Amino acid sequence: MRISSRALAAIALVLPLLLVGTTGSHASSTSSLIMVEVDETAFDAGPGEKISFTSTVTNTGEESLSGLIAHLNILTSDPGVYVDPEDWSAKRTQYLDDLSPGDSQRLTWTVQAVTSGPLILYVAVSDTGKNRVYASEPIEMTVGGQRVVNSGGVLPLVLWMPAGVLGLLGATLLRRRRHQ
């Protein structure tokens, strides 16, 4: 059974809400709201390529907010593709400045494509102390091709380099013996 990337993205967005609380799209009479937006919807990349995008976190509520934490999440819709988010981005957590009502803060994220396959990226923001998580829309990232090491040009060098070093060493020793 294969799960589509859209279905997996929906699961990734809904699961934290079921476990933690409400999202920025639902009003709450007792607290402020947060909107998380990303400036991209999709990327195509090759292995090793670096991609950057920006998220904007906006306080849409009526109270000032502090202690907000943004986190970049990376997952795949293909069970055959292994994703270790730490390999993809060295800076996946960012701490936001205090946000007054209506204020926004832009955050830049850089991701380096590691594994070929379909991926989903999204930014989640935690409203600490209120136990809620707000998430951006997913960004679909497709990393195509495979990283292939071409040993055709390396193998002769690997074989002949030690032979050349040994040959030079032997010639030097022979030369020293003749001059003694």
Protein backbone atom coordinates (compact mmCIF):
# COMPACT_ATOMS: atom_id res chain seq x y z
CA MET A 1 0.00 0.00 0.00
CA ARG A 2 1.47 3.32 -1.07
CA ILE A 3 0.49 6.56 0.63
CA SER A 4 0.44 9.71 -1.50
CA SER A 5 2.58 12.67 -0.46
CA ARG A 6 -0.56 14.79 0.04
CA ALA A 7 -2.08 12.17 2.36
CA LEU A 8 1.14 11.94 4.33
CA ALA A 9 1.33 15.72 4.54
CA ALA A 10 -2.21 15.81 5.89
CA ILE A 11 -1.31 13.20 8.49
CA ALA A 12 1.84 15.13 9.42
CA LEU A 13 -0.20 18.29 9.91
CA VAL A 14 -3.13 16.72 11.76
CA LEU A 15 -1.24 14.34 14.08
CA PRO A 16 0.46 17.09 16.14
CA LEU A 17 -2.90 18.81 16.45
CA LEU A 18 -4.54 15.72 17.84
CA LEU A 19 -1.72 15.23 20.29
CA VAL A 20 -1.11 18.85 21.30
CA GLY A 21 -4.03 21.22 20.71
CA THR A 22 -5.46 23.73 18.26
CA THR A 23 -3.87 25.30 15.21
CA GLY A 24 -3.63 28.89 14.10
CA SER A 25 -6.61 28.34 11.81
CA HIS A 26 -8.99 27.74 14.71
CA ALA A 27 -10.06 30.59 16.98
CA SER A 28 -9.65 30.33 20.71
CA SER A 29 -11.36 32.74 23.04
CA THR A 30 -8.64 32.56 25.70
CA SER A 31 -5.39 32.99 23.79
CA SER A 32 -3.49 34.49 20.90
CA LEU A 33 -3.21 32.87 17.51
CA ILE A 34 -0.21 32.24 15.30
CA MET A 35 -0.08 31.95 11.53
CA VAL A 36 2.87 30.15 9.90
CA GLU A 37 3.40 30.70 6.18
CA VAL A 38 6.14 29.49 3.80
CA ASP A 39 7.22 31.24 0.61
CA GLU A 40 7.47 28.05 -1.48
CA THR A 41 5.14 25.16 -2.27
CA ALA A 42 7.51 22.80 -4.11
CA PHE A 43 11.17 22.23 -4.94
CA ASP A 44 13.06 19.96 -7.31
CA ALA A 45 16.67 19.29 -6.36
CA GLY A 46 19.55 16.98 -7.05
CA PRO A 47 21.54 15.10 -4.41
CA GLY A 48 23.87 17.46 -2.56
CA GLU A 49 22.04 20.58 -3.71
CA LYS A 50 21.24 23.26 -1.11
CA ILE A 51 17.79 24.82 -1.06
CA SER A 52 16.68 27.83 1.00
CA PHE A 53 13.21 29.08 1.78
CA THR A 54 11.59 31.50 4.19
CA SER A 55 8.78 31.10 6.68
CA THR A 56 6.86 33.95 8.24
CA VAL A 57 5.38 33.65 11.72
CA THR A 58 2.63 36.17 12.46
CA ASN A 59 0.87 36.92 15.75
CA THR A 60 -2.76 37.18 14.64
CA GLY A 61 -4.09 37.38 18.18
CA GLU A 62 -4.67 40.22 20.60
CA GLU A 63 -1.90 39.39 23.10
CA SER A 64 1.87 39.71 22.85
CA LEU A 65 3.64 36.37 22.49
CA SER A 66 7.01 35.29 23.83
CA GLY A 67 8.90 32.01 23.96
CA LEU A 68 7.91 30.91 20.46
CA ILE A 69 10.01 28.11 18.97
CA ALA A 70 10.02 27.25 15.26
CA HIS A 71 11.15 23.84 14.04
CA LEU A 72 11.78 22.57 10.51
CA ASN A 73 10.34 19.10 9.94
CA ILE A 74 11.39 16.78 7.11
CA LEU A 75 9.67 13.52 6.24
CA THR A 76 9.18 11.28 3.24
CA SER A 77 6.10 9.74 1.69
CA ASP A 78 8.13 6.77 0.42
CA PRO A 79 8.73 4.09 3.07
CA GLY A 80 11.82 2.99 1.13
CA VAL A 81 13.57 6.33 1.64
CA TYR A 82 15.41 6.91 4.91
CA VAL A 83 15.39 10.49 6.19
CA ASP A 84 17.49 11.64 9.12
CA PRO A 85 16.56 15.34 9.47
CA GLU A 86 19.90 16.14 11.15
CA ASP A 87 21.63 15.22 7.88
CA TRP A 88 19.41 17.58 5.92
CA SER A 89 19.73 20.75 7.97
CA ALA A 90 22.15 21.74 10.71
CA LYS A 91 19.78 24.46 11.97
CA ARG A 92 16.29 23.03 12.32
CA THR A 93 15.20 24.94 15.45
CA GLN A 94 14.97 28.72 15.72
CA TYR A 95 13.84 30.84 18.66
CA LEU A 96 11.68 33.83 17.82
CA ASP A 97 11.70 37.32 19.26
CA ASP A 98 8.64 38.48 21.18
CA LEU A 99 5.75 39.22 18.83
CA SER A 100 3.24 41.98 19.53
CA PRO A 101 -0.26 41.60 18.05
CA GLY A 102 -0.01 41.87 14.27
CA ASP A 103 3.80 41.55 14.22
CA SER A 104 5.64 39.02 12.07
CA GLN A 105 9.09 37.48 12.01
CA ARG A 106 10.72 35.95 8.95
CA LEU A 107 12.92 32.88 9.35
CA THR A 108 15.28 31.51 6.71
CA TRP A 109 15.79 27.76 6.43
CA THR A 110 18.49 25.95 4.44
CA VAL A 111 18.17 22.30 3.49
CA GLN A 112 20.77 20.15 1.73
CA ALA A 113 19.29 17.30 -0.32
CA VAL A 114 20.76 14.03 0.88
CA THR A 115 18.54 11.18 -0.26
CA SER A 116 16.72 10.80 -3.58
CA GLY A 117 12.96 10.58 -3.35
CA PRO A 118 9.81 12.49 -2.45
CA LEU A 119 9.96 14.61 0.70
CA ILE A 120 7.69 16.89 2.66
CA LEU A 121 9.00 19.88 4.60
CA TYR A 122 6.99 22.06 6.96
CA VAL A 123 7.63 24.52 9.77
CA ALA A 124 5.93 24.01 13.12
CA VAL A 125 5.81 26.71 15.80
CA SER A 126 5.21 25.95 19.46
CA ASP A 127 3.37 28.43 21.64
CA THR A 128 5.23 27.42 24.80
CA GLY A 129 3.29 27.43 28.01
CA LYS A 130 0.00 27.00 26.16
CA ASN A 131 0.86 23.58 24.70
CA ARG A 132 -0.18 24.31 21.14
CA VAL A 133 1.55 23.73 17.83
CA TYR A 134 0.91 25.71 14.67
CA ALA A 135 2.13 24.37 11.32
CA SER A 136 2.75 25.77 7.85
CA GLU A 137 1.41 24.27 4.67
CA PRO A 138 3.70 21.48 3.38
CA ILE A 139 6.45 22.06 0.85
CA GLU A 140 6.81 19.13 -1.54
CA MET A 141 10.45 18.47 -2.37
CA THR A 142 11.53 15.97 -4.98
CA VAL A 143 15.18 14.94 -5.00
CA GLY A 144 15.94 13.23 -8.28
CA GLY A 145 18.78 11.07 -9.44
CA GLN A 146 21.27 9.13 -7.45
CA ARG A 147 24.65 10.18 -6.23
CA VAL A 148 27.04 7.88 -8.11
CA VAL A 149 30.72 7.61 -7.40
CA ASN A 150 32.60 7.14 -10.65
CA SER A 151 35.51 4.94 -9.69
CA GLY A 152 36.59 4.50 -13.32
CA GLY A 153 39.04 7.39 -13.09
CA VAL A 154 40.08 6.66 -9.51
CA LEU A 155 40.94 2.96 -9.69
CA PRO A 156 44.10 3.33 -11.80
CA LEU A 157 45.31 6.07 -9.47
CA VAL A 158 44.61 3.93 -6.41
CA LEU A 159 46.54 0.99 -7.90
CA TRP A 160 49.45 2.85 -9.45
CA MET A 161 50.09 5.44 -6.73
CA PRO A 162 51.45 2.93 -4.17
CA ALA A 163 53.43 1.19 -6.92
CA GLY A 164 54.96 4.52 -7.94
CA VAL A 165 55.83 5.41 -4.33
CA LEU A 166 57.41 1.98 -3.78
CA GLY A 167 59.33 2.33 -7.07
CA LEU A 168 60.72 5.73 -6.03
CA LEU A 169 61.62 4.40 -2.59
CA GLY A 170 63.39 1.40 -4.15
CA ALA A 171 65.27 3.62 -6.61
CA THR A 172 66.37 5.92 -3.77
CA LEU A 173 67.62 2.99 -1.67
CA LEU A 174 69.45 1.48 -4.65
CA ARG A 175 71.06 4.81 -5.41
CA ARG A 176 72.24 5.24 -1.80
CA ARG A 177 73.80 1.76 -1.82
CA ARG A 178 75.73 2.53 -5.00
CA HIS A 179 77.12 5.77 -3.55
CA GLN A 180 78.25 4.21 -0.26
